[in-house]
């Protein structure tokens, strides 16, 4: 999924920064979203929408 997001970023420095943020926070974001939504697919969708 990371490659999907990277396709929207033109600047190489911004890609590197986004990759760091994505790798650092994605799992934590999904976990938090799941604790609220109690549905894995909905949690993944919420995190996806956040990154977009």
N, C-alpha and C. Protein backbone atom coordinates (compact mmCIF):
# COMPACT_ATOMS: atom_id res chain seq x y z
N UNK A 1 0.82 -1.20 0.00
CA UNK A 1 0.00 0.00 0.00
C UNK A 1 0.86 1.25 0.00
N UNK A 2 2.05 1.15 0.57
CA UNK A 2 2.93 2.31 0.62
C UNK A 2 3.22 2.83 -0.79
N UNK A 3 3.42 1.95 -1.74
CA UNK A 3 3.71 2.36 -3.12
C UNK A 3 2.55 3.17 -3.69
N UNK A 4 1.33 2.84 -3.32
CA UNK A 4 0.15 3.57 -3.77
C UNK A 4 0.23 5.03 -3.33
N UNK A 5 0.56 5.25 -2.06
CA UNK A 5 0.65 6.61 -1.54
C UNK A 5 1.82 7.37 -2.16
N UNK A 6 2.93 6.67 -2.36
CA UNK A 6 4.12 7.32 -2.92
C UNK A 6 3.88 7.82 -4.34
N UNK A 7 2.97 7.20 -5.05
CA UNK A 7 2.68 7.62 -6.43
C UNK A 7 2.12 9.04 -6.48
N UNK A 8 1.56 9.51 -5.38
CA UNK A 8 0.96 10.84 -5.34
C UNK A 8 1.96 11.94 -4.96
N UNK A 9 3.17 11.54 -4.56
CA UNK A 9 4.15 12.51 -4.06
C UNK A 9 5.24 12.69 -5.10
N UNK A 10 5.43 13.92 -5.55
CA UNK A 10 6.40 14.20 -6.60
C UNK A 10 7.81 14.41 -6.08
N UNK A 11 7.96 15.06 -4.96
CA UNK A 11 9.27 15.42 -4.43
C UNK A 11 9.91 14.26 -3.66
N UNK A 12 11.14 13.93 -3.98
CA UNK A 12 11.82 12.81 -3.34
C UNK A 12 11.99 13.01 -1.84
N UNK A 13 12.29 14.22 -1.40
CA UNK A 13 12.41 14.49 0.05
C UNK A 13 11.08 14.25 0.75
N UNK A 14 9.99 14.68 0.12
CA UNK A 14 8.67 14.46 0.71
C UNK A 14 8.32 12.98 0.76
N UNK A 15 8.75 12.21 -0.25
CA UNK A 15 8.52 10.77 -0.23
C UNK A 15 9.24 10.12 0.95
N UNK A 16 10.47 10.52 1.16
CA UNK A 16 11.24 9.96 2.27
C UNK A 16 10.59 10.29 3.61
N UNK A 17 10.14 11.52 3.76
CA UNK A 17 9.48 11.93 5.00
C UNK A 17 8.18 11.16 5.20
N UNK A 18 7.41 11.02 4.13
CA UNK A 18 6.15 10.28 4.23
C UNK A 18 6.41 8.83 4.60
N UNK A 19 7.42 8.21 4.01
CA UNK A 19 7.73 6.82 4.31
C UNK A 19 8.09 6.64 5.78
N UNK A 20 8.83 7.57 6.33
CA UNK A 20 9.18 7.52 7.75
C UNK A 20 7.92 7.60 8.61
N UNK A 21 7.06 8.55 8.30
CA UNK A 21 5.81 8.71 9.06
C UNK A 21 4.94 7.46 8.93
N UNK A 22 4.80 6.96 7.71
CA UNK A 22 3.97 5.78 7.45
C UNK A 22 4.47 4.58 8.26
N UNK A 23 5.77 4.32 8.18
CA UNK A 23 6.33 3.15 8.87
C UNK A 23 6.29 3.31 10.39
N UNK A 24 6.39 4.52 10.86
CA UNK A 24 6.40 4.76 12.31
C UNK A 24 5.00 4.66 12.92
N UNK A 25 3.98 5.11 12.23
CA UNK A 25 2.66 5.28 12.85
C UNK A 25 1.54 4.39 12.33
N UNK A 26 1.70 3.73 11.19
CA UNK A 26 0.60 2.97 10.60
C UNK A 26 0.01 1.94 11.55
N UNK A 27 0.84 1.09 12.13
CA UNK A 27 0.34 0.03 13.01
C UNK A 27 -0.39 0.62 14.22
N UNK A 28 0.18 1.66 14.78
CA UNK A 28 -0.45 2.30 15.94
C UNK A 28 -1.79 2.92 15.54
N UNK A 29 -1.86 3.51 14.36
CA UNK A 29 -3.10 4.11 13.89
C UNK A 29 -4.18 3.05 13.67
N UNK A 30 -3.79 1.94 13.06
CA UNK A 30 -4.76 0.86 12.83
C UNK A 30 -5.26 0.31 14.16
N UNK A 31 -4.36 0.13 15.10
CA UNK A 31 -4.74 -0.37 16.42
C UNK A 31 -5.72 0.57 17.12
N UNK A 32 -5.44 1.85 17.05
CA UNK A 32 -6.32 2.84 17.68
C UNK A 32 -7.69 2.86 16.99
N UNK A 33 -7.67 2.86 15.66
CA UNK A 33 -8.92 2.86 14.91
C UNK A 33 -9.73 1.59 15.21
N UNK A 34 -9.04 0.45 15.31
CA UNK A 34 -9.74 -0.80 15.62
C UNK A 34 -10.37 -0.75 17.01
N UNK A 35 -9.68 -0.15 17.96
CA UNK A 35 -10.23 -0.08 19.32
C UNK A 35 -11.51 0.75 19.36
N UNK A 36 -11.65 1.65 18.44
CA UNK A 36 -12.85 2.49 18.36
C UNK A 36 -13.93 1.81 17.52
N UNK A 37 -13.53 1.30 16.34
CA UNK A 37 -14.51 0.79 15.37
C UNK A 37 -14.86 -0.68 15.56
N UNK A 38 -13.97 -1.44 16.18
CA UNK A 38 -14.17 -2.88 16.41
C UNK A 38 -14.41 -3.66 15.12
N UNK A 39 -13.78 -3.21 14.05
CA UNK A 39 -13.86 -3.90 12.76
C UNK A 39 -12.56 -3.62 12.03
N UNK A 40 -11.84 -4.69 11.67
CA UNK A 40 -10.52 -4.52 11.06
C UNK A 40 -10.59 -3.79 9.72
N UNK A 41 -11.54 -4.15 8.88
CA UNK A 41 -11.64 -3.50 7.57
C UNK A 41 -11.96 -2.01 7.70
N UNK A 42 -12.86 -1.68 8.62
CA UNK A 42 -13.19 -0.27 8.84
C UNK A 42 -11.99 0.50 9.39
N UNK A 43 -11.22 -0.16 10.26
CA UNK A 43 -10.03 0.48 10.81
C UNK A 43 -9.01 0.74 9.70
N UNK A 44 -8.80 -0.24 8.85
CA UNK A 44 -7.88 -0.06 7.72
C UNK A 44 -8.36 1.07 6.80
N UNK A 45 -9.65 1.12 6.54
CA UNK A 45 -10.22 2.18 5.70
C UNK A 45 -10.01 3.56 6.32
N UNK A 46 -10.19 3.65 7.62
CA UNK A 46 -10.03 4.94 8.31
C UNK A 46 -8.58 5.41 8.22
N UNK A 47 -7.66 4.50 8.40
CA UNK A 47 -6.23 4.86 8.31
C UNK A 47 -5.88 5.22 6.87
N UNK A 48 -6.38 4.47 5.92
CA UNK A 48 -6.15 4.79 4.51
C UNK A 48 -6.64 6.20 4.20
N UNK A 49 -7.85 6.51 4.62
CA UNK A 49 -8.40 7.85 4.39
C UNK A 49 -7.54 8.93 5.03
N UNK A 50 -6.99 8.63 6.19
CA UNK A 50 -6.13 9.59 6.88
C UNK A 50 -4.86 9.85 6.08
N UNK A 51 -4.25 8.81 5.55
CA UNK A 51 -3.03 9.01 4.78
C UNK A 51 -3.29 9.70 3.45
N UNK A 52 -4.45 9.48 2.87
CA UNK A 52 -4.78 10.17 1.61
C UNK A 52 -4.96 11.64 1.91
